[in-house]
């Protein structure tokens, strides 16, 4: 697996979650050995949801309708 930030090598890592109580305290994640980027199941779920929401907005024409149009050159 490669890192989405730097294309470095991602290795499996055991992560501890000290703040959230609804997830297991220990979880398996991925850590980049080059830049330190961490991906765990919760991060992956949020990124997947954001991508799906962004694609739905693009397909519905909402994103392009809100962008300011450049002024026409005279």
N, C-alpha and C. Protein backbone atom coordinates (compact mmCIF):
# COMPACT_ATOMS: atom_id res chain seq x y z
N UNK A 1 0.85 -1.17 0.00
CA UNK A 1 0.00 0.00 0.00
C UNK A 1 0.89 1.23 0.00
N UNK A 2 0.49 2.27 -0.73
CA UNK A 2 1.28 3.49 -0.79
C UNK A 2 0.52 4.63 -0.14
N UNK A 3 1.25 5.59 0.37
CA UNK A 3 0.70 6.76 1.06
C UNK A 3 0.02 7.69 0.05
N UNK A 4 -1.12 8.24 0.43
CA UNK A 4 -1.83 9.17 -0.45
C UNK A 4 -1.18 10.54 -0.45
N UNK A 5 -0.34 10.84 0.52
CA UNK A 5 0.33 12.15 0.58
C UNK A 5 1.66 12.16 -0.17
N UNK A 6 2.49 11.14 0.09
CA UNK A 6 3.85 11.18 -0.45
C UNK A 6 4.22 9.97 -1.29
N UNK A 7 3.29 9.04 -1.48
CA UNK A 7 3.54 7.78 -2.19
C UNK A 7 4.58 6.91 -1.51
N UNK A 8 4.81 7.14 -0.21
CA UNK A 8 5.74 6.32 0.55
C UNK A 8 5.11 4.99 0.95
N UNK A 9 5.89 4.17 1.61
CA UNK A 9 5.45 2.84 2.02
C UNK A 9 4.60 2.94 3.28
N UNK A 10 3.40 2.34 3.24
CA UNK A 10 2.52 2.27 4.40
C UNK A 10 2.71 0.91 5.06
N UNK A 11 2.85 0.91 6.38
CA UNK A 11 3.00 -0.33 7.13
C UNK A 11 1.86 -0.45 8.14
N UNK A 12 1.46 -1.69 8.43
CA UNK A 12 0.41 -1.92 9.42
C UNK A 12 0.93 -1.50 10.79
N UNK A 13 0.06 -0.87 11.59
CA UNK A 13 0.45 -0.39 12.90
C UNK A 13 -0.72 -0.56 13.86
N UNK A 14 -0.45 -0.88 15.11
CA UNK A 14 -1.48 -0.95 16.13
C UNK A 14 -1.61 0.43 16.76
N UNK A 15 -2.81 1.00 16.70
CA UNK A 15 -3.05 2.35 17.19
C UNK A 15 -3.91 2.29 18.44
N UNK A 16 -3.70 3.21 19.36
CA UNK A 16 -4.52 3.29 20.56
C UNK A 16 -5.34 4.58 20.50
N UNK A 17 -6.60 4.46 20.86
CA UNK A 17 -7.52 5.60 20.84
C UNK A 17 -7.88 5.95 22.27
N UNK A 18 -7.37 7.07 22.76
CA UNK A 18 -7.59 7.45 24.15
C UNK A 18 -8.78 8.39 24.34
N UNK A 19 -9.34 8.96 23.27
CA UNK A 19 -10.40 9.94 23.43
C UNK A 19 -11.78 9.42 23.09
N UNK A 20 -11.91 8.59 22.11
CA UNK A 20 -13.23 8.12 21.68
C UNK A 20 -13.58 6.83 22.41
N UNK A 21 -14.80 6.75 22.92
CA UNK A 21 -15.18 5.57 23.67
C UNK A 21 -16.07 4.62 22.87
N UNK A 22 -16.59 5.05 21.72
CA UNK A 22 -17.50 4.18 20.97
C UNK A 22 -16.76 3.24 20.03
N UNK A 23 -15.47 3.41 19.85
CA UNK A 23 -14.65 2.50 19.05
C UNK A 23 -13.76 1.68 19.98
N UNK A 24 -13.27 0.57 19.51
CA UNK A 24 -12.34 -0.19 20.36
C UNK A 24 -11.12 0.66 20.70
N UNK A 25 -10.57 0.43 21.87
CA UNK A 25 -9.42 1.22 22.29
C UNK A 25 -8.21 0.95 21.39
N UNK A 26 -8.00 -0.30 21.01
CA UNK A 26 -6.91 -0.65 20.11
C UNK A 26 -7.49 -0.93 18.73
N UNK A 27 -6.86 -0.42 17.72
CA UNK A 27 -7.31 -0.72 16.37
C UNK A 27 -6.10 -0.82 15.45
N UNK A 28 -6.30 -1.51 14.37
CA UNK A 28 -5.24 -1.68 13.37
C UNK A 28 -5.37 -0.55 12.37
N UNK A 29 -4.26 0.06 12.03
CA UNK A 29 -4.25 1.13 11.05
C UNK A 29 -3.02 1.01 10.17
N UNK A 30 -2.83 2.02 9.34
CA UNK A 30 -1.68 2.07 8.45
C UNK A 30 -0.92 3.37 8.72
N UNK A 31 0.42 3.30 8.75
CA UNK A 31 1.26 4.46 8.97
C UNK A 31 2.34 4.51 7.90
N UNK A 32 2.54 5.70 7.33
CA UNK A 32 3.58 5.88 6.32
C UNK A 32 4.92 6.03 7.01
N UNK A 33 5.90 5.26 6.56
CA UNK A 33 7.22 5.35 7.19
C UNK A 33 8.00 6.55 6.69
N UNK A 34 7.55 7.20 5.62
CA UNK A 34 8.25 8.37 5.10
C UNK A 34 7.75 9.67 5.73
N UNK A 35 6.42 9.88 5.76
CA UNK A 35 5.90 11.16 6.24
C UNK A 35 5.08 11.06 7.52
N UNK A 36 4.74 9.83 7.97
CA UNK A 36 4.00 9.66 9.21
C UNK A 36 2.49 9.73 9.07
N UNK A 37 1.98 9.84 7.86
CA UNK A 37 0.54 9.86 7.63
C UNK A 37 -0.09 8.60 8.20
N UNK A 38 -1.22 8.76 8.92
CA UNK A 38 -1.91 7.62 9.54
C UNK A 38 -3.29 7.50 8.94
N UNK A 39 -3.67 6.27 8.61
CA UNK A 39 -5.02 5.97 8.13
C UNK A 39 -5.54 4.83 8.99
N UNK A 40 -6.68 5.06 9.63
CA UNK A 40 -7.33 4.00 10.41
C UNK A 40 -8.75 3.82 9.87
N UNK A 41 -9.51 2.86 10.37
CA UNK A 41 -10.85 2.63 9.82
C UNK A 41 -11.77 3.86 9.88
N UNK A 42 -11.69 4.65 10.94
CA UNK A 42 -12.54 5.84 11.05
C UNK A 42 -12.15 6.90 10.03
N UNK A 43 -10.87 7.14 9.88
CA UNK A 43 -10.40 8.10 8.87
C UNK A 43 -10.83 7.66 7.48
N UNK A 44 -10.66 6.39 7.18
CA UNK A 44 -11.04 5.86 5.87
C UNK A 44 -12.53 6.02 5.62
N UNK A 45 -13.36 5.77 6.64
CA UNK A 45 -14.82 5.91 6.50
C UNK A 45 -15.19 7.37 6.21
N UNK A 46 -14.57 8.32 6.90
CA UNK A 46 -14.85 9.73 6.67
C UNK A 46 -14.41 10.17 5.28
N UNK A 47 -13.23 9.74 4.84
CA UNK A 47 -12.76 10.10 3.50
C UNK A 47 -13.66 9.53 2.41
N UNK A 48 -14.12 8.30 2.61
CA UNK A 48 -15.02 7.68 1.63
C UNK A 48 -16.33 8.46 1.56
N UNK A 49 -16.86 8.86 2.71
CA UNK A 49 -18.09 9.64 2.74
C UNK A 49 -17.94 11.00 2.10
N UNK A 50 -16.80 11.65 2.32
CA UNK A 50 -16.56 12.96 1.71
C UNK A 50 -16.46 12.85 0.19
N UNK A 51 -15.76 11.82 -0.29
CA UNK A 51 -15.65 11.64 -1.73
C UNK A 51 -17.01 11.38 -2.35
N UNK A 52 -17.82 10.55 -1.70
CA UNK A 52 -19.15 10.24 -2.23
C UNK A 52 -20.01 11.50 -2.26
N UNK A 53 -19.96 12.31 -1.21
CA UNK A 53 -20.73 13.55 -1.17
C UNK A 53 -20.26 14.55 -2.23
N UNK A 54 -18.96 14.64 -2.43
CA UNK A 54 -18.42 15.56 -3.44
C UNK A 54 -18.82 15.11 -4.84
N UNK A 55 -18.77 13.81 -5.10
CA UNK A 55 -19.15 13.32 -6.42
C UNK A 55 -20.64 13.53 -6.67
N UNK A 56 -21.48 13.34 -5.64
CA UNK A 56 -22.91 13.59 -5.80
C UNK A 56 -23.17 15.06 -6.14
N UNK A 57 -22.44 15.96 -5.50
CA UNK A 57 -22.62 17.39 -5.76
C UNK A 57 -22.19 17.74 -7.18
N UNK A 58 -21.09 17.16 -7.64
CA UNK A 58 -20.62 17.43 -9.00
C UNK A 58 -21.62 16.91 -10.02
N UNK A 59 -22.11 15.69 -9.82
CA UNK A 59 -23.06 15.11 -10.75
C UNK A 59 -24.38 15.89 -10.76
N UNK A 60 -24.74 16.49 -9.65
CA UNK A 60 -25.98 17.26 -9.57
C UNK A 60 -25.79 18.68 -10.10
N UNK A 61 -24.56 19.07 -10.41
CA UNK A 61 -24.31 20.41 -10.93
C UNK A 61 -24.23 21.48 -9.86
N UNK A 62 -24.21 21.10 -8.60
CA UNK A 62 -24.20 22.07 -7.52
C UNK A 62 -22.86 22.77 -7.39
N UNK A 63 -21.77 22.07 -7.62
CA UNK A 63 -20.45 22.66 -7.44
C UNK A 63 -20.19 23.72 -8.49
N UNK A 64 -20.43 23.39 -9.74
CA UNK A 64 -20.12 24.32 -10.81
C UNK A 64 -21.07 25.52 -10.82
N UNK A 65 -22.28 25.33 -10.34
CA UNK A 65 -23.24 26.44 -10.30
C UNK A 65 -22.84 27.49 -9.28
N UNK A 66 -22.07 27.12 -8.26
CA UNK A 66 -21.71 28.06 -7.21
C UNK A 66 -20.38 28.76 -7.46
N UNK A 67 -19.58 28.27 -8.39
CA UNK A 67 -18.31 28.90 -8.65
C UNK A 67 -18.52 30.22 -9.37
N UNK A 68 -17.74 31.27 -9.01
CA UNK A 68 -17.89 32.54 -9.73
C UNK A 68 -17.39 32.39 -11.17
N UNK A 69 -18.09 32.98 -12.05
CA UNK A 69 -17.69 32.92 -13.46
C UNK A 69 -16.68 34.03 -13.75
N UNK A 70 -15.66 33.76 -14.55
CA UNK A 70 -14.68 34.81 -14.87
C UNK A 70 -15.34 35.89 -15.74
N UNK A 71 -14.86 37.11 -15.56
CA UNK A 71 -15.39 38.23 -16.34
C UNK A 71 -14.96 38.09 -17.80
N UNK A 72 -15.83 38.47 -18.70
CA UNK A 72 -15.51 38.38 -20.13
C UNK A 72 -14.55 39.50 -20.48
N UNK A 73 -13.58 39.17 -21.33
CA UNK A 73 -12.60 40.17 -21.78
C UNK A 73 -13.27 41.05 -22.83
N UNK A 74 -12.97 42.32 -22.76
CA UNK A 74 -13.58 43.27 -23.70
C UNK A 74 -12.81 43.36 -24.98
